């Protein structure tokens, strides 16, 4: 009886898309599954799940996180909805940025700002990638474009404005001081 209840629960989760069918079969083979035998976090075996990649980001494993977000591919449901895709791109850009892959982070963040111009975080990642890659003036221009676009869309630009001001200060501080 216990095994039938477990199978029914696993089957309903598999139908809901929470557990993959092959995981359900593996669980059905035994009533108990030791925690040590759990699927590794970084394995691309749960399509659409951003959680394993987020855990890698939280652990500071930026290269692995970037590979995960790239590996799960574009997030499009059967009905064509792309609700999770902006968050996959956002997390991928963050992983690339923190992992020092500035050119690729800029590429992914640019794609995200085009598809979701209201996401101020995407603009921040784009400008940060440019600034860290030594393209500070380009980053300032990105902040200016972002502030204008996000304001136009009715969004909050406070973080963009603050980060632009901080970047301008870094640029100013890096200039040679005039001799007296």
C-alpha atoms as a PDB file:
ATOM      1  CA  UNK A   1       0.000   0.000   0.000  1.00  0.00           C
ATOM      2  CA  UNK A   2       2.794   2.430   0.915  1.00  0.00           C
ATOM      3  CA  UNK A   3       4.511   1.789  -2.422  1.00  0.00           C
ATOM      4  CA  UNK A   4       1.270   2.516  -4.315  1.00  0.00           C
ATOM      5  CA  UNK A   5       0.839   5.843  -2.477  1.00  0.00           C
ATOM      6  CA  UNK A   6       4.407   6.817  -3.287  1.00  0.00           C
ATOM      7  CA  UNK A   7       3.917   5.855  -6.938  1.00  0.00           C
ATOM      8  CA  UNK A   8       0.695   7.871  -7.123  1.00  0.00           C
ATOM      9  CA  UNK A   9       2.375  10.916  -5.593  1.00  0.00           C
ATOM     10  CA  UNK A  10       5.356  10.660  -7.939  1.00  0.00           C
ATOM     11  CA  UNK A  11       3.082  10.187 -10.946  1.00  0.00           C
ATOM     12  CA  UNK A  12       1.063  13.291 -10.066  1.00  0.00           C
ATOM     13  CA  UNK A  13       4.273  15.308  -9.655  1.00  0.00           C
ATOM     14  CA  UNK A  14       5.566  14.004 -12.981  1.00  0.00           C
ATOM     15  CA  UNK A  15       2.328  15.024 -14.665  1.00  0.00           C
ATOM     16  CA  UNK A  16       2.611  18.462 -13.108  1.00  0.00           C
ATOM     17  CA  UNK A  17       6.151  18.703 -14.485  1.00  0.00           C
ATOM     18  CA  UNK A  18       7.784  18.812 -11.065  1.00  0.00           C
ATOM     19  CA  UNK A  19       9.543  15.453 -11.448  1.00  0.00           C
ATOM     20  CA  UNK A  20      10.734  13.956 -14.706  1.00  0.00           C
ATOM     21  CA  UNK A  21       9.320  10.614 -15.751  1.00  0.00           C
ATOM     22  CA  UNK A  22      12.687   8.815 -15.482  1.00  0.00           C
ATOM     23  CA  UNK A  23      13.087  10.156 -11.925  1.00  0.00           C
ATOM     24  CA  UNK A  24       9.635   8.805 -11.106  1.00  0.00           C
ATOM     25  CA  UNK A  25      10.638   5.362 -12.405  1.00  0.00           C
ATOM     26  CA  UNK A  26      13.815   5.408 -10.351  1.00  0.00           C
ATOM     27  CA  UNK A  27      11.877   6.352  -7.233  1.00  0.00           C
ATOM     28  CA  UNK A  28       9.296   3.678  -7.933  1.00  0.00           C
ATOM     29  CA  UNK A  29      12.021   1.030  -7.909  1.00  0.00           C
ATOM     30  CA  UNK A  30      12.615   1.587  -4.192  1.00  0.00           C
ATOM     31  CA  UNK A  31      10.456   2.814  -1.338  1.00  0.00           C
ATOM     32  CA  UNK A  32      13.286   4.908   0.067  1.00  0.00           C
ATOM     33  CA  UNK A  33      15.943   6.863  -1.714  1.00  0.00           C
ATOM     34  CA  UNK A  34      18.977   7.969   0.278  1.00  0.00           C
ATOM     35  CA  UNK A  35      19.721  11.683   0.189  1.00  0.00           C
ATOM     36  CA  UNK A  36      23.253  11.019  -1.056  1.00  0.00           C
ATOM     37  CA  UNK A  37      21.835   9.502  -4.247  1.00  0.00           C
ATOM     38  CA  UNK A  38      20.033  12.732  -5.160  1.00  0.00           C
ATOM     39  CA  UNK A  39      20.614  14.207  -8.607  1.00  0.00           C
ATOM     40  CA  UNK A  40      23.617  16.574  -8.677  1.00  0.00           C
ATOM     41  CA  UNK A  41      22.640  20.238  -8.638  1.00  0.00           C
ATOM     42  CA  UNK A  42      24.483  21.208 -11.817  1.00  0.00           C
ATOM     43  CA  UNK A  43      23.083  18.427 -13.998  1.00  0.00           C
ATOM     44  CA  UNK A  44      20.857  19.786 -16.787  1.00  0.00           C
ATOM     45  CA  UNK A  45      18.122  17.271 -16.138  1.00  0.00           C
ATOM     46  CA  UNK A  46      15.131  19.388 -15.215  1.00  0.00           C
ATOM     47  CA  UNK A  47      14.129  21.422 -18.232  1.00  0.00           C
ATOM     48  CA  UNK A  48      12.917  24.870 -17.346  1.00  0.00           C
ATOM     49  CA  UNK A  49      14.239  24.854 -13.811  1.00  0.00           C
ATOM     50  CA  UNK A  50      16.394  27.850 -13.019  1.00  0.00           C
ATOM     51  CA  UNK A  51      16.927  26.755  -9.403  1.00  0.00           C
ATOM     52  CA  UNK A  52      20.067  24.619  -9.920  1.00  0.00           C
ATOM     53  CA  UNK A  53      21.771  27.497 -11.715  1.00  0.00           C
ATOM     54  CA  UNK A  54      20.744  29.937  -8.986  1.00  0.00           C
ATOM     55  CA  UNK A  55      22.282  27.628  -6.386  1.00  0.00           C
ATOM     56  CA  UNK A  56      25.526  27.626  -8.348  1.00  0.00           C
ATOM     57  CA  UNK A  57      25.435  31.442  -8.457  1.00  0.00           C
ATOM     58  CA  UNK A  58      24.841  31.563  -4.712  1.00  0.00           C
ATOM     59  CA  UNK A  59      27.845  29.267  -4.206  1.00  0.00           C
ATOM     60  CA  UNK A  60      30.051  31.554  -6.314  1.00  0.00           C
ATOM     61  CA  UNK A  61      30.450  28.906  -9.028  1.00  0.00           C
ATOM     62  CA  UNK A  62      30.030  31.388 -11.855  1.00  0.00           C
ATOM     63  CA  UNK A  63      31.537  29.334 -14.676  1.00  0.00           C
ATOM     64  CA  UNK A  64      29.351  26.352 -13.803  1.00  0.00           C
ATOM     65  CA  UNK A  65      26.290  28.582 -13.454  1.00  0.00           C
ATOM     66  CA  UNK A  66      26.910  30.179 -16.848  1.00  0.00           C
ATOM     67  CA  UNK A  67      27.254  26.740 -18.418  1.00  0.00           C
ATOM     68  CA  UNK A  68      24.035  25.627 -16.738  1.00  0.00           C
ATOM     69  CA  UNK A  69      21.984  28.607 -17.949  1.00  0.00           C
ATOM     70  CA  UNK A  70      23.372  28.213 -21.454  1.00  0.00           C
ATOM     71  CA  UNK A  71      22.830  24.460 -21.379  1.00  0.00           C
ATOM     72  CA  UNK A  72      19.150  24.487 -20.447  1.00  0.00           C
ATOM     73  CA  UNK A  73      18.440  26.421 -23.622  1.00  0.00           C
ATOM     74  CA  UNK A  74      15.739  28.906 -24.474  1.00  0.00           C
ATOM     75  CA  UNK A  75      12.751  28.659 -22.154  1.00  0.00           C
ATOM     76  CA  UNK A  76       9.675  28.372 -24.361  1.00  0.00           C
ATOM     77  CA  UNK A  77       6.605  26.403 -23.325  1.00  0.00           C
ATOM     78  CA  UNK A  78       4.487  24.284 -25.651  1.00  0.00           C
ATOM     79  CA  UNK A  79       2.061  27.177 -26.110  1.00  0.00           C
ATOM     80  CA  UNK A  80       4.879  29.553 -27.062  1.00  0.00           C
ATOM     81  CA  UNK A  81       5.047  31.446 -23.756  1.00  0.00           C
ATOM     82  CA  UNK A  82       8.508  32.648 -22.763  1.00  0.00           C
ATOM     83  CA  UNK A  83       7.793  33.685 -19.173  1.00  0.00           C
ATOM     84  CA  UNK A  84      11.033  32.235 -17.729  1.00  0.00           C
ATOM     85  CA  UNK A  85      13.365  33.152 -20.601  1.00  0.00           C
ATOM     86  CA  UNK A  86      14.127  36.687 -19.359  1.00  0.00           C
ATOM     87  CA  UNK A  87      15.162  35.268 -15.987  1.00  0.00           C
ATOM     88  CA  UNK A  88      17.373  32.638 -17.616  1.00  0.00           C
ATOM     89  CA  UNK A  89      19.100  35.363 -19.646  1.00  0.00           C
ATOM     90  CA  UNK A  90      19.354  37.627 -16.583  1.00  0.00           C
ATOM     91  CA  UNK A  91      20.974  34.896 -14.485  1.00  0.00           C
ATOM     92  CA  UNK A  92      23.223  33.835 -17.365  1.00  0.00           C
ATOM     93  CA  UNK A  93      24.435  37.412 -17.851  1.00  0.00           C
ATOM     94  CA  UNK A  94      25.083  37.701 -14.106  1.00  0.00           C
ATOM     95  CA  UNK A  95      27.075  34.454 -14.049  1.00  0.00           C
ATOM     96  CA  UNK A  96      29.136  35.598 -17.024  1.00  0.00           C
ATOM     97  CA  UNK A  97      29.676  39.044 -15.516  1.00  0.00           C
ATOM     98  CA  UNK A  98      30.798  37.714 -12.145  1.00  0.00           C
ATOM     99  CA  UNK A  99      32.916  35.082 -13.881  1.00  0.00           C
ATOM    100  CA  UNK A 100      34.852  37.751 -15.776  1.00  0.00           C
ATOM    101  CA  UNK A 101      33.439  36.914 -19.220  1.00  0.00           C
ATOM    102  CA  UNK A 102      32.529  40.524 -19.981  1.00  0.00           C
ATOM    103  CA  UNK A 103      32.102  40.345 -23.758  1.00  0.00           C
ATOM    104  CA  UNK A 104      29.723  37.373 -23.515  1.00  0.00           C
ATOM    105  CA  UNK A 105      27.891  39.003 -20.586  1.00  0.00           C
ATOM    106  CA  UNK A 106      27.461  42.122 -22.719  1.00  0.00           C
ATOM    107  CA  UNK A 107      26.078  40.005 -25.578  1.00  0.00           C
ATOM    108  CA  UNK A 108      23.522  38.233 -23.379  1.00  0.00           C
ATOM    109  CA  UNK A 109      22.523  41.412 -21.494  1.00  0.00           C
ATOM    110  CA  UNK A 110      22.055  43.231 -24.808  1.00  0.00           C
ATOM    111  CA  UNK A 111      19.731  40.463 -26.004  1.00  0.00           C
ATOM    112  CA  UNK A 112      17.796  40.804 -22.749  1.00  0.00           C
ATOM    113  CA  UNK A 113      17.476  44.606 -22.965  1.00  0.00           C
ATOM    114  CA  UNK A 114      16.132  44.293 -26.507  1.00  0.00           C
ATOM    115  CA  UNK A 115      13.516  41.692 -25.566  1.00  0.00           C
ATOM    116  CA  UNK A 116      12.693  43.155 -22.127  1.00  0.00           C
ATOM    117  CA  UNK A 117      13.600  46.857 -22.036  1.00  0.00           C
ATOM    118  CA  UNK A 118      11.628  47.334 -18.817  1.00  0.00           C
ATOM    119  CA  UNK A 119      14.091  45.156 -16.835  1.00  0.00           C
ATOM    120  CA  UNK A 120      16.366  47.708 -15.202  1.00  0.00           C
ATOM    121  CA  UNK A 121      18.561  44.894 -13.899  1.00  0.00           C
ATOM    122  CA  UNK A 122      19.338  43.860 -17.463  1.00  0.00           C
ATOM    123  CA  UNK A 123      20.499  47.378 -18.281  1.00  0.00           C
ATOM    124  CA  UNK A 124      22.639  47.427 -15.130  1.00  0.00           C
ATOM    125  CA  UNK A 125      24.296  44.150 -16.132  1.00  0.00           C
ATOM    126  CA  UNK A 126      24.921  45.467 -19.644  1.00  0.00           C
ATOM    127  CA  UNK A 127      26.551  48.676 -18.402  1.00  0.00           C
ATOM    128  CA  UNK A 128      28.522  46.798 -15.736  1.00  0.00           C
ATOM    129  CA  UNK A 129      29.888  44.385 -18.347  1.00  0.00           C
ATOM    130  CA  UNK A 130      30.926  47.316 -20.529  1.00  0.00           C
ATOM    131  CA  UNK A 131      32.529  49.182 -17.627  1.00  0.00           C
ATOM    132  CA  UNK A 132      34.427  46.144 -16.352  1.00  0.00           C
ATOM    133  CA  UNK A 133      35.631  45.498 -19.886  1.00  0.00           C
ATOM    134  CA  UNK A 134      37.160  48.992 -19.976  1.00  0.00           C
ATOM    135  CA  UNK A 135      34.385  50.546 -22.081  1.00  0.00           C
ATOM    136  CA  UNK A 136      33.440  53.143 -19.481  1.00  0.00           C
ATOM    137  CA  UNK A 137      32.148  55.826 -21.830  1.00  0.00           C
ATOM    138  CA  UNK A 138      30.011  53.214 -23.598  1.00  0.00           C
ATOM    139  CA  UNK A 139      28.693  52.142 -20.190  1.00  0.00           C
ATOM    140  CA  UNK A 140      27.730  55.746 -19.368  1.00  0.00           C
ATOM    141  CA  UNK A 141      25.859  55.943 -22.693  1.00  0.00           C
ATOM    142  CA  UNK A 142      24.110  52.661 -21.850  1.00  0.00           C
ATOM    143  CA  UNK A 143      23.020  54.055 -18.482  1.00  0.00           C
ATOM    144  CA  UNK A 144      21.681  57.192 -20.180  1.00  0.00           C
ATOM    145  CA  UNK A 145      19.734  55.150 -22.750  1.00  0.00           C
ATOM    146  CA  UNK A 146      18.473  52.831 -20.029  1.00  0.00           C
ATOM    147  CA  UNK A 147      17.259  55.666 -17.811  1.00  0.00           C
ATOM    148  CA  UNK A 148      15.380  57.217 -20.721  1.00  0.00           C
ATOM    149  CA  UNK A 149      13.823  53.897 -21.801  1.00  0.00           C
ATOM    150  CA  UNK A 150      12.839  52.693 -18.332  1.00  0.00           C
ATOM    151  CA  UNK A 151      11.326  56.117 -17.508  1.00  0.00           C
ATOM    152  CA  UNK A 152       9.406  56.000 -20.781  1.00  0.00           C
ATOM    153  CA  UNK A 153       8.027  52.608 -19.736  1.00  0.00           C
ATOM    154  CA  UNK A 154       7.094  53.916 -16.278  1.00  0.00           C
ATOM    155  CA  UNK A 155       9.730  51.974 -14.366  1.00  0.00           C
ATOM    156  CA  UNK A 156      11.977  52.826 -11.452  1.00  0.00           C
ATOM    157  CA  UNK A 157      15.335  54.247 -12.549  1.00  0.00           C
ATOM    158  CA  UNK A 158      16.843  54.906  -9.123  1.00  0.00           C
ATOM    159  CA  UNK A 159      19.373  52.038  -9.306  1.00  0.00           C
ATOM    160  CA  UNK A 160      20.344  52.974 -12.844  1.00  0.00           C
ATOM    161  CA  UNK A 161      20.865  56.605 -11.825  1.00  0.00           C
ATOM    162  CA  UNK A 162      22.851  55.608  -8.745  1.00  0.00           C
ATOM    163  CA  UNK A 163      25.079  53.238 -10.697  1.00  0.00           C
ATOM    164  CA  UNK A 164      25.624  55.837 -13.424  1.00  0.00           C
ATOM    165  CA  UNK A 165      26.678  58.389 -10.800  1.00  0.00           C
ATOM    166  CA  UNK A 166      29.059  55.862  -9.221  1.00  0.00           C
ATOM    167  CA  UNK A 167      30.603  55.075 -12.606  1.00  0.00           C
ATOM    168  CA  UNK A 168      31.018  58.773 -13.400  1.00  0.00           C
ATOM    169  CA  UNK A 169      32.781  59.194 -10.045  1.00  0.00           C
ATOM    170  CA  UNK A 170      35.136  56.304 -10.822  1.00  0.00           C
ATOM    171  CA  UNK A 171      35.908  57.887 -14.192  1.00  0.00           C
ATOM    172  CA  UNK A 172      36.525  61.274 -12.552  1.00  0.00           C
ATOM    173  CA  UNK A 173      38.706  59.761  -9.816  1.00  0.00           C
ATOM    174  CA  UNK A 174      40.816  58.033 -12.472  1.00  0.00           C
ATOM    175  CA  UNK A 175      41.658  61.240 -14.307  1.00  0.00           C
ATOM    176  CA  UNK A 176      45.045  62.808 -13.648  1.00  0.00           C
ATOM    177  CA  UNK A 177      44.872  65.671 -11.189  1.00  0.00           C
ATOM    178  CA  UNK A 178      45.867  69.138 -12.403  1.00  0.00           C
ATOM    179  CA  UNK A 179      49.265  70.339 -11.174  1.00  0.00           C
ATOM    180  CA  UNK A 180      49.302  73.420  -8.940  1.00  0.00           C
END
